[in-house]
Protein backbone atom coordinates (compact mmCIF):
# COMPACT_ATOMS: atom_id res chain seq x y z
CA MET A 1 215.47 76.20 77.94
CA SER A 2 218.72 76.40 75.97
CA VAL A 3 218.92 77.50 72.32
CA LYS A 4 220.38 74.11 71.48
CA SER A 5 217.39 72.31 73.01
CA HIS A 6 214.97 74.51 71.08
CA LEU A 7 216.77 73.78 67.83
CA MET A 8 216.65 70.06 68.49
CA LEU A 9 212.97 70.27 69.29
CA ALA A 10 212.29 72.21 66.09
CA ALA A 11 213.83 69.48 63.99
CA ALA A 12 211.91 66.85 65.88
CA LEU A 13 208.58 68.59 65.50
CA PHE A 14 208.87 68.71 61.72
CA SER A 15 210.23 65.22 61.24
CA SER A 16 208.59 63.04 63.87
CA ILE A 17 205.33 61.25 63.18
CA PHE A 18 205.13 59.83 66.68
CA VAL A 19 203.94 62.89 68.55
CA PRO A 20 200.53 63.75 67.07
CA PRO A 21 199.66 66.66 69.42
CA VAL A 22 202.79 68.56 68.42
CA ALA A 23 202.03 67.94 64.77
CA ALA A 24 198.48 69.14 65.35
CA GLN A 25 199.76 72.40 66.76
CA LEU A 26 201.75 72.93 63.54
CA HIS A 27 199.02 71.79 61.14
CA THR A 28 196.30 73.65 59.28
CA ASP A 29 193.63 72.21 57.00
CA CYS A 30 193.69 75.36 54.86
CA ASP A 31 196.29 78.14 54.98
CA PRO A 32 194.73 81.51 54.01
CA MET A 33 198.19 82.83 53.18
CA GLU A 34 198.34 80.32 50.32
CA LYS A 35 194.74 80.09 49.04
CA ASP A 36 191.16 81.07 49.70
CA CYS A 37 189.75 79.22 52.71
CA PRO A 38 186.32 78.86 54.34
CA PRO A 39 185.58 81.43 57.07
CA ASP A 40 186.23 80.55 60.71
CA PRO A 41 183.16 80.27 62.97
CA ALA A 42 183.45 83.02 65.55
CA PHE A 43 182.87 82.74 69.29
CA GLY A 44 181.68 86.31 69.66
CA THR A 45 180.87 86.14 73.38
CA THR A 46 182.23 85.37 76.86
CA HIS A 47 181.52 82.08 78.58
CA THR A 48 182.96 79.81 81.27
CA PHE A 49 182.87 76.11 80.39
CA TYR A 50 182.63 73.88 83.46
CA PHE A 51 183.90 70.44 82.65
CA ASN A 52 181.91 68.59 85.30
CA ALA A 53 179.82 67.48 82.31
CA THR A 54 180.00 67.38 78.52
CA PRO A 55 180.38 70.90 77.04
CA PRO A 56 177.41 72.42 75.20
CA GLN A 57 176.77 71.07 71.72
CA ASP A 58 178.77 72.64 68.85
CA THR A 59 181.41 74.14 71.17
CA PHE A 60 184.16 71.50 71.50
CA LYS A 61 185.14 68.32 69.68
CA LEU A 62 187.44 65.42 70.49
CA THR A 63 190.26 65.11 67.99
CA ALA A 64 191.83 62.11 69.76
CA GLY A 65 191.06 59.79 72.66
CA LYS A 66 188.28 60.04 75.22
CA VAL A 67 187.55 62.63 77.91
CA GLU A 68 185.78 61.56 81.10
CA TYR A 69 183.73 64.16 83.02
CA ASN A 70 183.34 64.23 86.81
CA PRO A 71 181.42 66.68 89.03
CA ASP A 72 184.35 67.00 91.46
CA THR A 73 187.53 66.70 89.39
CA GLY A 74 186.30 68.00 86.02
CA ALA A 75 187.48 66.63 82.68
CA ALA A 76 190.03 63.82 82.86
CA PHE A 77 192.46 63.45 79.93
CA THR A 78 194.12 60.06 80.46
CA MET A 79 197.03 58.60 78.54
CA ARG A 80 196.95 54.83 79.11
CA LYS A 81 199.15 53.47 76.35
CA LYS A 82 201.58 54.36 73.62
CA GLY A 83 199.99 56.57 71.00
CA ASP A 84 197.32 58.09 73.28
CA SER A 85 196.98 61.86 72.90
CA VAL A 86 193.59 62.88 74.30
CA THR A 87 192.75 66.31 72.88
CA LEU A 88 189.68 68.55 73.17
CA MET A 89 189.53 71.36 70.59
CA SER A 90 187.06 74.24 70.25
CA ASN A 91 184.81 74.44 67.21
CA PHE A 92 184.97 78.24 67.42
CA TYR A 93 187.63 80.94 67.01
CA PHE A 94 188.25 84.13 68.97
CA PHE A 95 189.92 87.20 67.53
CA PHE A 96 191.96 88.79 70.32
CA GLY A 97 190.68 87.81 73.71
CA ARG A 98 191.37 85.98 76.95
CA THR A 99 191.31 82.43 78.27
CA GLU A 100 191.54 81.25 81.87
CA VAL A 101 192.02 77.50 82.36
CA LEU A 102 191.87 75.81 85.75
CA LEU A 103 194.17 72.82 85.27
CA LYS A 104 196.12 70.17 87.19
CA ALA A 105 198.93 68.71 85.10
CA ALA A 106 199.61 65.00 84.64
CA SER A 107 202.59 63.39 86.33
CA GLY A 108 205.11 61.15 84.62
CA THR A 109 208.45 61.62 82.92
CA GLY A 110 208.04 62.79 79.34
CA VAL A 111 204.28 63.39 79.77
CA ILE A 112 203.18 66.81 78.46
CA SER A 113 199.96 68.56 79.48
CA SER A 114 199.09 71.55 77.34
CA ILE A 115 196.87 74.58 76.71
CA VAL A 116 197.26 75.69 73.09
CA TRP A 117 195.88 78.48 70.91
CA SER A 118 196.35 77.98 67.17
CA SER A 119 195.24 79.73 63.98
CA ASP A 120 194.83 78.81 60.32
CA VAL A 121 198.11 80.57 59.43
CA LEU A 122 199.96 78.73 62.26
CA ASP A 123 200.02 81.51 64.82
CA GLU A 124 200.31 79.83 68.21
CA VAL A 125 200.28 80.56 71.96
CA ASP A 126 201.10 77.85 74.53
CA TRP A 127 201.07 76.81 78.14
CA GLU A 128 202.93 73.48 78.61
CA PHE A 129 203.59 71.33 81.67
CA LYS A 130 206.16 68.53 81.94
CA GLY A 131 205.13 65.59 84.10
CA GLY A 132 208.70 65.08 85.27
CA ASN A 133 209.10 68.71 86.40
CA GLU A 134 206.46 69.57 89.00
CA SER A 135 207.87 73.02 89.84
CA TYR A 136 207.60 74.88 86.52
CA ALA A 137 205.09 75.84 83.85
CA PHE A 138 206.31 76.84 80.39
CA SER A 139 205.01 79.61 78.12
CA ASN A 140 205.65 79.88 74.39
CA TYR A 141 204.43 81.47 71.13
CA PHE A 142 204.96 81.21 67.37
CA GLY A 143 204.03 83.42 64.43
CA LYS A 144 202.96 81.89 61.09
CA GLY A 145 204.70 78.64 61.91
CA ARG A 146 208.13 80.25 62.08
CA GLN A 147 210.09 78.34 64.66
CA ASP A 148 212.04 80.88 66.68
CA TRP A 149 213.19 78.74 69.61
CA LYS A 150 214.03 81.74 71.76
CA ASN A 151 210.33 82.27 72.45
CA GLY A 152 209.91 79.90 75.41
CA GLY A 153 209.79 80.92 79.08
CA ASP A 154 209.96 79.00 82.38
CA HIS A 155 207.80 80.02 85.35
CA LEU A 156 208.00 78.75 88.93
CA VAL A 157 204.63 77.58 90.27
CA LYS A 158 204.05 77.74 94.03
CA GLY A 159 202.89 74.34 95.23
CA GLY A 160 203.83 72.70 91.93
CA VAL A 161 201.80 71.95 88.81
CA LEU A 162 200.97 68.31 89.65
CA ASN A 163 199.32 68.41 93.08
CA ASP A 164 196.63 71.05 92.66
CA TYR A 165 194.67 73.14 90.19
CA HIS A 166 196.10 76.49 89.06
CA ASN A 167 194.68 79.28 86.96
CA TYR A 168 196.64 79.68 83.71
CA THR A 169 195.57 82.82 81.86
CA CYS A 170 196.51 84.59 78.63
CA VAL A 171 195.28 88.07 77.65
CA TRP A 172 195.74 89.01 73.98
CA THR A 173 195.37 92.27 72.07
CA LYS A 174 196.87 93.53 68.84
CA GLU A 175 199.52 95.37 70.88
CA GLN A 176 200.64 92.71 73.37
CA LEU A 177 200.25 89.20 74.77
CA GLU A 178 200.30 88.53 78.53
CA TRP A 179 200.63 85.34 80.59
CA TRP A 180 199.14 85.25 84.10
CA LEU A 181 199.57 82.56 86.78
CA ASP A 182 197.00 82.37 89.61
CA GLY A 183 196.18 86.04 89.08
CA GLU A 184 199.81 87.15 88.97
CA HIS A 185 201.18 88.74 85.80
CA ILE A 186 204.35 86.82 84.91
CA ARG A 187 205.18 87.64 81.26
CA THR A 188 204.43 90.14 78.48
CA LEU A 189 205.21 89.96 74.76
CA LEU A 190 204.92 93.23 72.85
CA ALA A 191 203.89 92.90 69.22
CA LYS A 192 206.81 95.05 68.07
CA ASP A 193 209.25 92.71 69.84
CA ALA A 194 208.14 89.70 67.77
CA ASN A 195 210.21 90.35 64.64
CA ASN A 196 208.66 93.80 64.29
CA THR A 197 205.12 92.27 64.60
CA ASP A 198 205.71 89.80 61.75
CA ASN A 199 206.00 86.84 64.16
CA TYR A 200 203.40 88.16 66.56
CA PRO A 201 200.28 85.93 66.92
CA GLN A 202 197.49 88.09 65.47
CA THR A 203 194.93 85.95 63.62
CA PRO A 204 191.73 84.22 64.91
CA MET A 205 192.57 81.38 67.32
CA LYS A 206 190.93 78.16 68.48
CA LEU A 207 191.57 76.61 71.91
CA SER A 208 192.93 73.08 72.46
CA LEU A 209 193.40 71.16 75.73
CA GLY A 210 195.40 67.96 75.58
CA ILE A 211 197.94 65.44 76.87
CA TRP A 212 200.67 63.67 74.87
CA ALA A 213 203.95 61.79 75.26
CA GLY A 214 206.91 63.99 74.40
CA GLY A 215 209.04 61.21 75.85
CA ASP A 216 207.74 58.48 73.57
CA PRO A 217 210.61 55.99 73.00
CA ASP A 218 210.17 56.34 69.23
CA ALA A 219 210.31 60.14 69.27
CA GLU A 220 213.34 62.11 68.12
CA LYS A 221 216.09 62.45 70.66
CA GLY A 222 215.60 66.22 70.87
CA VAL A 223 211.91 65.87 71.74
CA ILE A 224 212.66 63.27 74.45
CA GLU A 225 215.35 65.54 75.90
CA TRP A 226 213.04 68.56 75.91
CA ALA A 227 210.20 66.51 77.50
CA GLY A 228 212.52 65.39 80.33
CA GLY A 229 213.05 61.74 79.49
CA VAL A 230 211.41 58.56 78.21
CA THR A 231 207.73 58.01 79.06
CA ASP A 232 206.71 54.97 81.11
CA TYR A 233 203.41 53.51 79.83
CA SER A 234 203.05 50.90 82.59
CA GLU A 235 200.63 53.17 84.49
CA PRO A 236 198.07 55.78 83.33
CA HIS A 237 198.83 59.51 83.34
CA THR A 238 195.93 61.94 83.77
CA MET A 239 195.56 65.69 83.28
CA TYR A 240 192.50 67.36 84.86
CA VAL A 241 190.69 70.50 83.70
CA LYS A 242 187.91 71.91 85.88
CA SER A 243 186.96 74.91 83.78
CA ALA A 244 187.91 77.19 80.91
CA LEU A 245 186.77 80.80 80.55
CA VAL A 246 186.90 82.08 76.97
CA GLU A 247 186.39 85.73 76.08
CA ASP A 248 186.31 86.89 72.47
CA PHE A 249 187.26 90.57 72.22
CA SER A 250 185.45 90.67 68.84
CA THR A 251 181.79 90.05 68.14
CA GLY A 252 180.33 88.46 65.05
CA LYS A 253 179.29 85.30 63.27
CA GLU A 254 182.52 84.40 61.49
CA TYR A 255 186.03 85.59 60.63
CA SER A 256 187.62 85.48 57.19
CA TYR A 257 190.93 86.53 55.62
CA GLY A 258 190.78 89.42 53.16
CA ASP A 259 194.22 88.81 51.63
CA ARG A 260 197.34 86.64 51.90
CA SER A 261 199.20 88.80 54.45
CA GLY A 262 198.18 86.95 57.61
CA THR A 263 197.88 90.23 59.53
CA TRP A 264 195.13 91.25 61.92
CA GLU A 265 194.21 94.12 59.59
CA SER A 266 193.25 91.62 56.88
CA ILE A 267 190.61 89.89 59.04
CA LYS A 268 187.00 90.57 58.08
CA ILE A 269 184.20 90.11 60.60
CA VAL A 270 180.72 89.03 59.53
CA SER A 271 178.06 90.36 61.88
CA GLY A 272 175.56 88.07 63.57
CA ASN A 273 175.57 85.27 66.13
CA SER A 274 177.78 82.23 65.73
CA THR A 275 176.69 78.62 66.15
CA ALA A 276 178.61 78.44 69.45
CA PHE A 277 176.92 81.63 70.65
CA GLU A 278 173.47 80.24 69.83
CA SER A 279 174.25 76.93 71.54
CA ILE A 280 175.54 78.57 74.72
CA HIS A 281 172.71 81.07 75.00
CA LYS A 282 169.95 78.66 74.05
CA GLU A 283 167.24 78.54 76.68
CA PRO A 284 167.29 75.30 78.68
CA GLU A 285 164.52 72.80 78.12
CA LYS A 286 161.55 73.82 80.24
CA SER A 287 159.95 71.54 82.80
CA LEU A 288 156.26 70.61 82.56
CA SER A 289 155.41 73.06 85.33
CA ASP A 290 157.26 75.86 83.51
CA LYS A 291 155.45 75.03 80.27
CA TRP A 292 152.12 75.05 82.11
CA ASN A 293 152.86 78.43 83.69
CA ASP A 294 153.65 79.85 80.24
CA LEU A 295 150.24 78.90 78.81
CA PRO A 296 147.63 81.68 78.33
CA SER A 297 144.77 81.69 80.83
CA GLY A 298 142.27 80.88 78.06
CA THR A 299 144.23 77.77 77.10
CA LYS A 300 144.41 76.67 80.73
CA SER A 301 140.62 77.12 81.06
CA GLY A 302 140.09 74.98 77.96
CA ILE A 303 142.35 72.26 79.36
CA TYR A 304 140.51 72.38 82.69
CA ALA A 305 137.15 72.07 80.85
CA ALA A 306 138.38 69.16 78.74
CA ALA A 307 139.78 67.47 81.82
CA GLY A 308 136.42 67.95 83.52
CA VAL A 309 134.57 66.32 80.62
CA VAL A 310 136.98 63.40 80.56
CA GLY A 311 136.65 63.05 84.32
CA ALA A 312 132.85 63.11 84.09
CA LEU A 313 132.87 60.44 81.38
CA LEU A 314 135.14 58.23 83.44
CA PHE A 315 132.96 58.75 86.52
CA GLY A 316 129.83 57.95 84.51
CA ALA A 317 131.42 54.79 83.15
CA LEU A 318 132.36 53.77 86.69
CA ILE A 319 128.76 54.34 87.94
CA PHE A 320 127.35 52.37 84.97
CA TYR A 321 129.68 49.48 85.69
CA TYR A 322 128.75 49.57 89.38
CA LEU A 323 125.00 49.55 88.65
CA LYS A 324 125.39 46.77 86.10
CA GLN A 325 127.31 44.63 88.58
CA ARG A 326 124.72 45.42 91.24
CA ARG A 327 121.85 44.33 88.99
CA ARG A 328 123.70 41.15 88.13
CA GLY A 329 124.18 40.45 91.81
CA GLN A 330 120.52 41.08 92.51
CA GLN A 331 119.51 38.69 89.73
CA GLU A 332 121.80 35.97 91.03
CA ALA A 333 120.43 36.48 94.57
CA ALA A 334 116.84 36.25 93.26
CA LEU A 335 117.62 33.00 91.42
CA ALA A 336 119.22 31.57 94.53
CA ALA A 337 116.19 32.57 96.59
CA GLN A 338 113.90 30.97 93.96
CA ARG A 339 115.83 27.71 94.13
CA GLN A 340 115.63 27.72 97.90
CA GLU A 341 111.87 28.36 97.73
CA GLN A 342 111.43 25.47 95.25
CA GLU A 343 113.36 23.16 97.56
CA ARG A 344 111.25 24.30 100.50
CA VAL A 345 107.98 23.67 98.58
CA GLU A 346 109.19 20.18 97.57
CA LEU A 347 110.12 19.42 101.16
CA GLU A 348 106.71 20.56 102.39
CA ARG A 349 105.01 18.37 99.76
CA PHE A 350 107.06 15.34 100.86
CA LYS A 351 105.99 15.92 104.41
CA ARG A 352 102.32 16.24 103.45
CA GLU A 353 102.58 12.96 101.55
CA GLY A 354 104.16 11.28 104.54
CA ARG A 355 107.49 10.65 102.82
CA ASP A 356 110.84 10.91 104.57
CA PRO A 357 113.21 12.96 102.27
CA ASP A 358 116.27 11.38 103.91
CA ALA A 359 115.07 7.88 103.01
CA LEU A 360 114.25 8.52 99.36
CA ALA A 361 115.52 6.07 96.74
CA PHE A 362 114.95 5.56 93.09
CA ASP A 363 116.22 3.49 90.23
CA GLY A 364 118.13 5.45 87.61
CA ALA A 365 118.24 4.26 84.04
CA GLU A 366 121.63 3.85 82.47
CA TYR A 367 122.73 2.59 79.10
CA GLY A 368 123.88 -1.02 79.31
CA ALA A 369 127.12 -2.22 77.81
CA LYS A 370 125.21 -4.89 75.83
CA GLY A 371 122.69 -2.50 74.49
CA GLY A 372 119.42 -1.33 75.81
CA MET A 373 118.73 0.35 79.12
CA ALA A 374 119.99 -0.94 82.43
CA THR A 375 118.74 0.10 85.84
CA THR A 376 120.89 1.06 88.76
CA ALA A 377 119.37 1.54 92.21
CA TYR A 378 120.30 4.62 94.26
CA GLY A 379 119.13 5.14 97.78
CA VAL A 380 119.28 3.84 101.31
CA PRO A 381 119.90 0.02 101.23
CA ASP A 382 117.62 -0.99 104.16
CA SER A 383 114.37 0.31 102.66
CA PRO A 384 114.51 0.46 98.87
CA PRO A 385 111.30 0.93 96.90
CA GLY A 386 109.87 -2.41 95.78
CA SER A 387 111.16 -4.34 98.82
CA SER A 388 109.06 -6.90 100.73
CA ALA A 389 107.61 -4.08 102.80
CA GLY A 390 106.09 -2.68 99.64
CA PRO A 391 106.34 0.84 98.34
CA PRO A 392 105.29 3.76 100.51
CA GLU A 393 101.86 5.16 99.90
CA LYS A 394 101.49 7.29 96.79
CA THR A 395 105.13 6.79 95.74
CA TRP A 396 106.59 5.68 92.52
CA ASP A 397 106.77 1.87 92.24
CA PRO A 398 109.25 0.70 89.65
CA THR A 399 107.72 -2.86 89.86
CA ASN A 400 104.39 -1.57 88.67
CA SER A 401 104.49 -2.17 84.96
CA SER A 402 101.38 -0.14 84.51
CA GLY A 403 102.80 2.74 86.45
CA PRO A 404 104.42 5.90 85.11
CA ALA A 405 107.61 5.90 83.15
CA ALA A 406 110.96 5.61 84.97
CA VAL A 407 111.91 9.21 85.69
CA PRO A 408 113.67 10.77 88.69
CA LEU A 409 111.47 11.20 91.73
CA LEU A 410 111.79 15.00 91.91
CA HIS A 411 110.07 15.18 88.52
CA ASP A 412 107.20 12.87 89.53
CA ASN A 413 103.78 14.62 89.47
CA ALA A 414 101.97 11.90 91.44
CA LYS A 415 99.89 13.11 94.39
């Protein structure tokens, strides 16, 4: 990149409000070189984040947009419209260390995919990828926000940056900063060569992964030129990240600045485990079988005994219910048998008395509509009681006024 282009970009970065990710790279909530600031939560460990799912709690946060996670393609950072700048930023800092990011850049003129380290005093280390230039990746660094536009470097990528995933690595010590591409060392910055270490990145860094439109039509002309042209928003542009290895060369709970110098010597390390460390190394939730296996043998015996008691009670209740239902059935069968026996006795009595049960008839008393009792005859029409043939022997005769009261035949006690 030419010096002129860098100068134009510098002016654009400070003046434009239309490229939020760039502004974020040059922004700090609290500058320890100007005032006392809260300590930075340390990473203090080594871990590979696989973006086939949401990262562990308390490790990364979304500062803009939405990231979609997929088991095969990893995290998808998609710019769908003007103003989109999907960015995932770590909640932790590392103090000298290494990152390895497996990334496939987004296509599209003016579309910028990026891997950024940044500190509270505006130290910065970058990998950037232009969607309109599939052949090259770009490395860069800044110290304390000082914009020396001779810092950038262009690096040819075999197979291109848009069609496949590549490993983009930085290794950082107090003496030097190295960029590696797919395991090949491609650039080194010595601390002494960065304005005699004054512009050398040397304070605790956080990691950001993001996509933004350097070619936004409303951006400064220099930014659009550097990004490769004007961005077309008619179709989505997606950057993919499968994984990110982060190694903190320091160990501790948090990092703080001991003075206003912004040098690595001023950094104080508080011992202990950070929130990110605890989250990453937290034991996964155990399954029921695992929890059971962890129980003492005495506890298991108690559970077995309790389960046995409960089982016995349930079995006893089932037996009681069965016996109760059986008794009820026996009672109903006995009543049915009793009714059958009564009917049989009645039938035998009819036969002894010479009466035909199929030819029985009697007059039933009903309440008349005009008051009083009315009689209605029930029976076989051709031989009703009280006909000219006369009543059968020893039967109820409704014409006999001196006879018994009118009651149904089956309740008659006459012999």
